Amino acid sequence: MDDLTGARWRKSTRSSSNGGACVEVADNLPGVVLVRDTKDRDGGTLTFEPAAWASFVGLARDIGPVS
């Protein structure tokens, strides 16, 4: 996917507000979910198929926070 101009980014609800390790997700484009590092928005974007992203989020939710 080359045209990401329509991506609407949102910060992860698990991200802290103190400038720590944060990710942003854009899931408004058809057929793709985008993920990037909040601290390095120009550093690259990971792309996932929506089903793969949903599986990842579901698994992360089931596992819970890591200490």
Protein backbone atom coordinates (compact mmCIF):
# COMPACT_ATOMS: atom_id res chain seq x y z
CA MET A 1 0.00 0.00 0.00
CA ASP A 2 1.60 3.23 -1.13
CA ASP A 3 -1.01 5.91 -0.37
CA LEU A 4 -1.34 6.34 3.38
CA THR A 5 -2.53 9.96 3.22
CA GLY A 6 -6.04 9.03 4.36
CA ALA A 7 -4.83 7.21 7.47
CA ARG A 8 -6.38 8.47 10.70
CA TRP A 9 -3.89 7.70 13.44
CA ARG A 10 -4.81 7.14 17.07
CA LYS A 11 -2.56 6.48 20.02
CA SER A 12 -2.79 3.15 21.76
CA THR A 13 -4.95 3.19 24.89
CA ARG A 14 -2.09 1.34 26.63
CA SER A 15 0.40 4.11 25.89
CA SER A 16 1.49 6.25 28.79
CA SER A 17 1.25 10.01 28.74
CA ASN A 18 4.85 10.53 29.90
CA GLY A 19 6.53 10.09 26.51
CA GLY A 20 7.27 6.41 26.98
CA ALA A 21 7.02 3.61 24.45
CA CYS A 22 3.92 4.37 22.38
CA VAL A 23 2.38 3.13 19.19
CA GLU A 24 -0.23 4.61 16.90
CA VAL A 25 -2.72 2.62 14.87
CA ALA A 26 -4.70 3.55 11.77
CA ASP A 27 -7.48 1.09 10.99
CA ASN A 28 -9.70 3.24 8.80
CA LEU A 29 -8.27 2.24 5.41
CA PRO A 30 -9.85 -0.68 3.54
CA GLY A 31 -8.03 -4.00 3.84
CA VAL A 32 -5.11 -2.83 5.98
CA VAL A 33 -4.18 -1.84 9.54
CA LEU A 34 -1.16 0.41 9.97
CA VAL A 35 1.07 0.65 13.05
CA ARG A 36 3.88 3.11 13.74
CA ASP A 37 6.07 4.35 16.60
CA THR A 38 4.77 7.61 18.05
CA LYS A 39 8.31 8.84 18.73
CA ASP A 40 9.46 8.17 15.14
CA ARG A 41 6.48 8.73 12.86
CA ASP A 42 8.68 8.90 9.76
CA GLY A 43 10.68 5.82 10.74
CA GLY A 44 8.44 3.31 9.02
CA THR A 45 5.01 1.77 9.17
CA LEU A 46 4.05 -1.83 9.77
CA THR A 47 1.09 -3.11 7.76
CA PHE A 48 -1.23 -5.93 8.76
CA GLU A 49 -4.26 -7.58 7.26
CA PRO A 50 -7.29 -6.74 9.44
CA ALA A 51 -7.81 -10.41 10.45
CA ALA A 52 -4.17 -10.74 11.54
CA TRP A 53 -4.40 -7.51 13.55
CA ALA A 54 -7.64 -8.64 15.22
CA SER A 55 -5.97 -11.93 16.19
CA PHE A 56 -2.98 -10.10 17.65
CA VAL A 57 -5.15 -7.69 19.66
CA GLY A 58 -7.32 -10.54 20.92
CA LEU A 59 -4.30 -12.54 22.04
CA ALA A 60 -2.73 -9.51 23.71
CA ARG A 61 -5.99 -8.83 25.52
CA ASP A 62 -6.19 -12.45 26.71
CA ILE A 63 -2.60 -12.44 27.97
CA GLY A 64 -2.93 -9.09 29.74
CA PRO A 65 -0.25 -6.66 30.83
CA VAL A 66 3.34 -7.85 31.05
CA SER A 67 5.26 -6.82 34.15
